[in-house]
Protein backbone atom coordinates (compact mmCIF):
# COMPACT_ATOMS: atom_id res chain seq x y z
CA MET A 1 350.45 42.63 211.58
CA ALA A 2 349.66 45.69 209.49
CA MET A 3 352.40 48.17 209.04
CA ARG A 4 351.68 51.88 209.70
CA LEU A 5 353.44 54.41 207.59
CA ALA A 6 355.31 56.99 209.52
CA ILE A 7 354.09 60.51 208.67
CA PRO A 8 356.51 63.28 209.37
CA ALA A 9 355.42 65.79 212.00
CA ARG A 10 355.40 68.66 209.48
CA SER A 11 352.98 66.76 207.19
CA ARG A 12 350.70 65.91 210.12
CA ARG A 13 350.45 69.56 211.03
CA PHE A 14 349.57 70.41 207.41
CA LEU A 15 346.80 67.79 207.29
CA LEU A 16 345.38 69.00 210.59
CA ALA A 17 345.25 72.58 209.34
CA ALA A 18 343.52 71.46 206.15
CA ARG A 19 340.86 69.57 208.13
CA LEU A 20 340.24 72.58 210.36
CA CYS A 21 339.79 74.84 207.31
CA ALA A 22 337.33 72.40 205.76
CA LEU A 23 335.38 72.23 209.00
CA ALA A 24 335.23 76.02 209.21
CA LEU A 25 333.81 76.22 205.68
CA VAL A 26 331.13 73.65 206.52
CA VAL A 27 330.15 75.53 209.67
CA ALA A 28 329.99 78.82 207.79
CA ALA A 29 327.71 77.29 205.19
CA LEU A 30 325.20 76.02 207.73
CA PRO A 31 321.94 77.99 207.94
CA ALA A 32 321.84 80.46 210.72
CA CYS A 33 318.94 78.60 212.23
CA SER A 34 321.12 75.51 212.81
CA LEU A 35 323.37 77.58 215.05
CA PHE A 36 321.10 80.14 216.66
CA GLY A 37 317.66 78.75 216.15
CA LYS A 38 315.12 79.73 213.49
CA GLU A 39 316.14 82.75 211.34
CA GLU A 40 313.82 85.74 211.65
CA VAL A 41 312.53 86.98 208.27
CA ILE A 42 311.95 90.73 208.23
CA PRO A 43 308.87 91.46 206.14
CA ASP A 44 308.90 94.25 203.55
CA ASP A 45 307.36 97.54 204.56
CA PRO A 46 304.08 98.32 202.80
CA ALA A 47 304.62 100.30 199.63
CA ASP A 48 302.28 103.10 200.63
CA LYS A 49 304.04 103.45 203.98
CA LEU A 50 307.45 103.87 202.31
CA TYR A 51 306.01 106.28 199.76
CA ASN A 52 304.36 108.47 202.37
CA GLU A 53 307.53 108.50 204.45
CA GLY A 54 309.31 109.79 201.38
CA LEU A 55 306.70 112.51 200.91
CA PHE A 56 307.05 113.54 204.56
CA LEU A 57 310.83 113.79 204.28
CA LEU A 58 310.48 115.70 201.03
CA ASN A 59 307.75 118.18 201.92
CA ASN A 60 308.04 118.59 205.69
CA LYS A 61 311.68 117.90 206.47
CA ARG A 62 313.18 119.13 203.19
CA ASP A 63 315.55 116.18 203.52
CA TYR A 64 315.82 115.47 199.82
CA LYS A 65 318.55 112.85 200.07
CA GLN A 66 316.68 110.71 202.58
CA ALA A 67 313.41 111.23 200.74
CA ALA A 68 315.00 109.90 197.55
CA LYS A 69 316.20 106.86 199.45
CA ARG A 70 312.69 106.08 200.72
CA PHE A 71 311.28 106.37 197.21
CA GLU A 72 314.04 104.12 195.89
CA GLU A 73 313.18 101.62 198.61
CA VAL A 74 309.65 101.42 197.24
CA ASP A 75 311.07 100.42 193.89
CA ARG A 76 313.41 97.89 195.49
CA GLN A 77 310.81 96.18 197.69
CA HIS A 78 307.80 96.49 195.36
CA PRO A 79 309.34 96.70 191.87
CA TYR A 80 306.22 95.91 189.80
CA SER A 81 303.67 97.93 191.69
CA GLU A 82 301.98 101.20 190.79
CA TRP A 83 303.66 102.65 193.87
CA ALA A 84 307.04 101.83 192.33
CA ARG A 85 306.16 103.81 189.19
CA LYS A 86 305.16 106.84 191.23
CA ALA A 87 308.14 106.51 193.54
CA LEU A 88 310.57 106.41 190.62
CA LEU A 89 309.35 109.78 189.41
CA MET A 90 309.39 111.20 192.94
CA SER A 91 312.96 110.02 193.45
CA ALA A 92 313.94 111.94 190.31
CA TYR A 93 312.19 115.02 191.70
CA ALA A 94 313.78 114.63 195.15
CA HIS A 95 317.24 114.39 193.60
CA TYR A 96 316.48 117.49 191.51
CA GLU A 97 315.35 119.50 194.52
CA GLY A 98 318.49 118.37 196.37
CA THR A 99 320.63 119.56 193.42
CA GLN A 100 321.76 115.99 192.80
CA TYR A 101 321.28 116.59 189.12
CA ASP A 102 323.07 113.56 187.72
CA ASP A 103 321.01 111.25 189.93
CA SER A 104 317.86 113.08 188.87
CA VAL A 105 318.70 112.58 185.21
CA ILE A 106 319.35 108.87 185.74
CA ALA A 107 316.04 108.32 187.54
CA ALA A 108 314.04 110.44 185.10
CA LYS A 109 315.54 108.72 182.07
CA ARG A 110 314.70 105.36 183.61
CA TYR A 111 311.13 106.51 184.11
CA VAL A 112 310.77 107.65 180.50
CA THR A 113 312.22 104.33 179.30
CA LEU A 114 309.99 102.16 181.49
CA HIS A 115 306.80 104.24 181.27
CA PRO A 116 306.86 106.15 177.94
CA GLY A 117 303.06 106.23 177.71
CA SER A 118 302.48 107.46 181.24
CA PRO A 119 300.78 110.85 181.73
CA ASP A 120 303.79 111.78 183.86
CA ALA A 121 306.37 111.02 181.15
CA ALA A 122 306.26 114.66 180.06
CA TYR A 123 307.27 115.78 183.53
CA ALA A 124 310.06 113.20 183.70
CA GLN A 125 311.45 114.48 180.40
CA TYR A 126 311.14 118.03 181.67
CA LEU A 127 313.14 117.07 184.77
CA ILE A 128 315.93 115.78 182.54
CA GLY A 129 316.11 119.06 180.67
CA SER A 130 315.81 121.15 183.83
CA SER A 131 318.60 119.19 185.51
CA TYR A 132 320.93 120.05 182.65
CA PHE A 133 319.56 123.60 182.46
CA ASP A 134 320.35 124.34 186.10
CA GLN A 135 323.97 123.37 185.47
CA ILE A 136 324.53 125.79 182.59
CA PRO A 137 327.95 127.40 183.16
CA ASP A 138 329.12 130.87 182.16
CA ILE A 139 330.08 131.39 178.53
CA SER A 140 333.81 131.12 179.22
CA ARG A 141 333.39 127.39 179.92
CA ASP A 142 332.39 124.35 177.88
CA GLN A 143 328.70 124.42 176.95
CA GLN A 144 328.04 120.69 176.67
CA ARG A 145 325.41 120.76 179.40
CA THR A 146 323.74 123.73 177.73
CA GLN A 147 323.49 121.73 174.53
CA ARG A 148 322.10 118.75 176.43
CA ALA A 149 319.57 120.98 178.17
CA MET A 150 318.36 122.39 174.87
CA GLU A 151 318.05 118.93 173.31
CA ALA A 152 316.18 117.47 176.29
CA LEU A 153 313.82 120.44 176.52
CA ASP A 154 313.22 120.38 172.77
CA GLU A 155 312.14 116.78 173.28
CA VAL A 156 309.47 117.98 175.72
CA VAL A 157 308.15 120.46 173.16
CA ARG A 158 308.23 117.90 170.35
CA LYS A 159 306.73 114.91 172.17
CA TYR A 160 304.37 116.64 174.58
CA PRO A 161 303.34 119.88 172.84
CA ASN A 162 300.00 120.24 174.60
CA THR A 163 301.30 120.00 178.16
CA GLU A 164 302.12 122.77 180.59
CA TYR A 165 305.70 121.54 180.59
CA ALA A 166 306.05 122.34 176.89
CA VAL A 167 305.37 126.02 177.62
CA ALA A 168 308.00 126.13 180.36
CA ALA A 169 310.42 124.14 178.22
CA LYS A 170 310.16 126.64 175.35
CA LYS A 171 311.21 129.47 177.63
CA LYS A 172 314.22 127.54 178.88
CA VAL A 173 315.16 126.58 175.33
CA GLU A 174 315.36 130.26 174.40
CA VAL A 175 317.65 130.92 177.36
CA ALA A 176 319.83 127.97 176.39
CA ARG A 177 320.01 129.13 172.78
CA ASP A 178 321.02 132.59 173.92
CA GLN A 179 323.75 131.02 176.05
CA LEU A 180 325.11 129.01 173.11
CA ALA A 181 325.04 132.11 170.94
CA GLY A 182 326.92 133.97 173.67
CA LYS A 183 329.59 131.30 173.65
CA GLU A 184 330.02 131.67 169.88
CA MET A 185 330.26 135.43 170.25
CA ASP A 186 332.86 135.12 172.98
CA THR A 187 335.00 132.87 170.79
CA ALA A 188 334.49 135.08 167.74
CA ARG A 189 335.61 138.20 169.61
CA PHE A 190 338.71 136.31 170.72
CA PHE A 191 339.65 135.66 167.09
CA GLN A 192 338.71 139.16 165.95
CA LYS A 193 340.91 140.84 168.55
CA ARG A 194 343.83 138.79 167.24
CA ARG A 195 343.02 139.83 163.66
CA GLN A 196 342.07 136.26 162.73
CA TYR A 197 339.14 137.58 160.76
CA ILE A 198 338.20 134.45 158.81
CA ALA A 199 337.96 132.43 162.02
CA ALA A 200 335.94 135.23 163.62
CA ILE A 201 333.56 135.47 160.64
CA ASN A 202 332.90 131.72 160.80
CA ARG A 203 331.84 132.06 164.43
CA PHE A 204 329.69 135.13 163.81
CA LYS A 205 328.11 133.19 160.94
CA VAL A 206 326.97 130.50 163.39
CA VAL A 207 325.14 133.14 165.41
CA ILE A 208 323.47 134.54 162.29
CA THR A 209 322.39 131.19 160.85
CA GLN A 210 321.61 129.14 163.98
CA TYR A 211 320.74 131.65 166.71
CA GLN A 212 319.10 134.39 164.72
CA THR A 213 316.36 135.08 167.26
CA THR A 214 318.75 135.69 170.17
CA ARG A 215 319.85 139.07 171.48
CA HIS A 216 323.39 138.49 170.14
CA VAL A 217 322.46 138.77 166.46
CA GLU A 218 322.69 142.58 166.43
CA GLU A 219 326.27 142.61 167.65
CA ALA A 220 327.12 139.71 165.33
CA LEU A 221 326.04 141.76 162.31
CA MET A 222 328.08 144.73 163.53
CA ARG A 223 331.16 142.53 164.06
CA LEU A 224 330.71 141.05 160.60
CA THR A 225 330.71 144.58 159.22
CA GLU A 226 333.99 145.25 161.05
CA SER A 227 335.62 141.99 159.99
CA TYR A 228 334.63 142.26 156.33
CA MET A 229 335.77 145.89 156.19
CA SER A 230 339.10 144.83 157.67
CA LEU A 231 339.47 142.20 154.94
CA GLY A 232 338.37 144.60 152.22
CA ILE A 233 335.28 142.52 151.36
CA VAL A 234 333.11 145.60 151.18
CA ASN A 235 329.97 144.13 149.61
CA GLU A 236 329.52 141.75 152.57
CA ALA A 237 330.26 144.58 155.00
CA GLN A 238 327.62 146.74 153.30
CA THR A 239 325.10 143.88 153.40
CA ALA A 240 325.73 143.18 157.09
CA ALA A 241 325.20 146.84 157.91
CA ALA A 242 322.12 147.10 155.71
CA VAL A 243 320.46 144.00 157.20
CA LEU A 244 321.29 145.24 160.69
CA GLY A 245 319.76 148.63 159.99
CA HIS A 246 316.63 147.24 158.41
CA ASN A 247 315.82 144.75 161.15
CA PHE A 248 317.14 146.74 164.11
CA PRO A 249 317.02 150.40 163.04
CA ASP A 250 317.20 151.73 166.60
CA SER A 251 320.05 149.49 167.67
CA PRO A 252 323.23 151.19 168.88
CA TRP A 253 325.10 148.45 166.99
CA TYR A 254 323.60 149.76 163.76
CA LYS A 255 324.83 153.24 164.50
CA ASP A 256 328.36 151.88 164.86
CA ALA A 257 328.07 149.80 161.69
CA TYR A 258 326.68 152.75 159.74
CA ARG A 259 329.54 155.04 160.83
CA LEU A 260 332.08 152.36 159.93
CA VAL A 261 330.72 151.86 156.41
CA ARG A 262 330.32 155.58 155.80
CA GLY A 263 333.86 156.09 157.07
CA GLY A 264 335.02 153.90 154.19
CA GLY A 265 333.18 156.07 151.71
CA LEU A 266 330.36 153.54 151.32
CA GLU A 267 326.70 153.12 152.15
CA PRO A 268 324.88 150.15 153.70
CA ALA A 269 323.46 148.24 150.75
CA GLU A 270 322.08 144.74 150.42
CA ASP A 271 323.66 142.18 148.13
CA GLN A 272 320.82 139.71 147.71
CA GLY A 273 323.31 137.00 146.77
CA SER A 274 325.07 137.35 150.12
CA TRP A 275 324.74 134.53 152.64
CA ILE A 276 323.71 137.16 155.21
CA SER A 277 320.74 138.31 153.13
CA LYS A 278 319.71 134.71 152.41
CA ALA A 279 319.93 133.75 156.08
CA PHE A 280 317.54 136.52 157.09
CA ARG A 281 315.09 135.89 154.27
CA LYS A 282 314.99 132.20 155.26
CA VAL A 283 313.30 133.01 158.57
CA GLY A 284 311.09 135.76 157.21
CA LEU A 285 313.34 138.66 158.11
CA GLY A 286 315.38 140.87 155.82
CA PHE A 287 314.18 143.66 153.60
CA ALA A 288 310.70 145.04 153.18
CA ALA A 289 309.31 147.80 151.01
CA GLU A 290 311.04 151.15 150.91
CA PRO A 291 309.96 153.41 153.79
CA ASP A 292 307.37 156.09 153.15
CA SER A 293 309.00 158.77 151.01
CA ALA A 294 307.15 161.37 153.04
CA GLN A 295 309.34 160.58 156.02
CA PRO A 296 311.81 163.44 156.65
CA LYS A 297 315.18 162.81 155.04
CA ASN A 298 318.59 163.35 156.50
CA ASP A 299 321.30 163.13 153.89
CA ASP A 300 323.95 162.41 156.48
CA ALA A 301 322.03 159.48 157.86
CA ALA A 302 320.30 158.26 154.72
CA THR A 303 321.30 154.88 153.38
CA ASN A 304 321.19 153.31 149.99
CA GLY A 305 318.06 151.58 148.68
CA ALA A 306 315.59 150.63 151.38
CA PHE A 307 317.24 152.92 153.91
CA LYS A 308 316.44 156.21 152.22
CA GLY A 309 314.66 158.44 154.65
CA LEU A 310 315.83 156.54 157.78
CA ARG A 311 316.67 158.90 160.60
CA LEU A 312 319.10 157.71 163.24
CA ARG A 313 318.44 158.54 166.86
């Protein structure tokens, strides 16, 4: 007669629980059709249907978030189709119109990476730059997005020079450059007010050398005149005033610089060895021939060298 081992009640309960857990896992792993009949497979929506729904939400409903989702669904359900390529670009545009700029940048960058030779790659790159551009903050804040905008828009001009987007990108680049120059000026004034003239000069120098075509260059030359006069470096002060007067003779900043130099018993005069003079000659600006000697003279307003005969207004 076989002997049966006695299993304590606690162990029996443990074994029973283990068997129930194993059974539950088996049941959970069974196909749904074994429990509820044959599983219904939902077919994908046609790509053109999803795309047109996105266009309707975008153009008629102005529901940019939902429109982007429909375009993204095209890419998800039909990833290798021509519709997916178009939808990817439209999702970037929908995000841009909905001011979801980070999402727009992500989608547009993906488009440029996947379809660099597409005729629409220029527009995708332009969307990247515009997304950064529309987030440009005021000059008191960090200008990282301004820098990114300028770099992305420069890419449009460089890679797609003959497109309509290159023309628009150039205009935005100039605005971005002006913003970056404004940031440098704001920082430079901060140092100048605290009599930290070397630090201020270094910032004004950035404006002169890197952002010479912006509207801030006139004030930068005037502030350089002030800072150099304060340090007693008169030849650089004279050069800053002279370059300012030659290139912007009607500027109110030149009038201030001229008075400042004359107040020190000096005249605006160019030192051709100065970094200021070299910076302006590098881009084709600087000094030209002496004005017509027949122009009426005003001894109080006349300047040294090329400025003889200049009349301030």
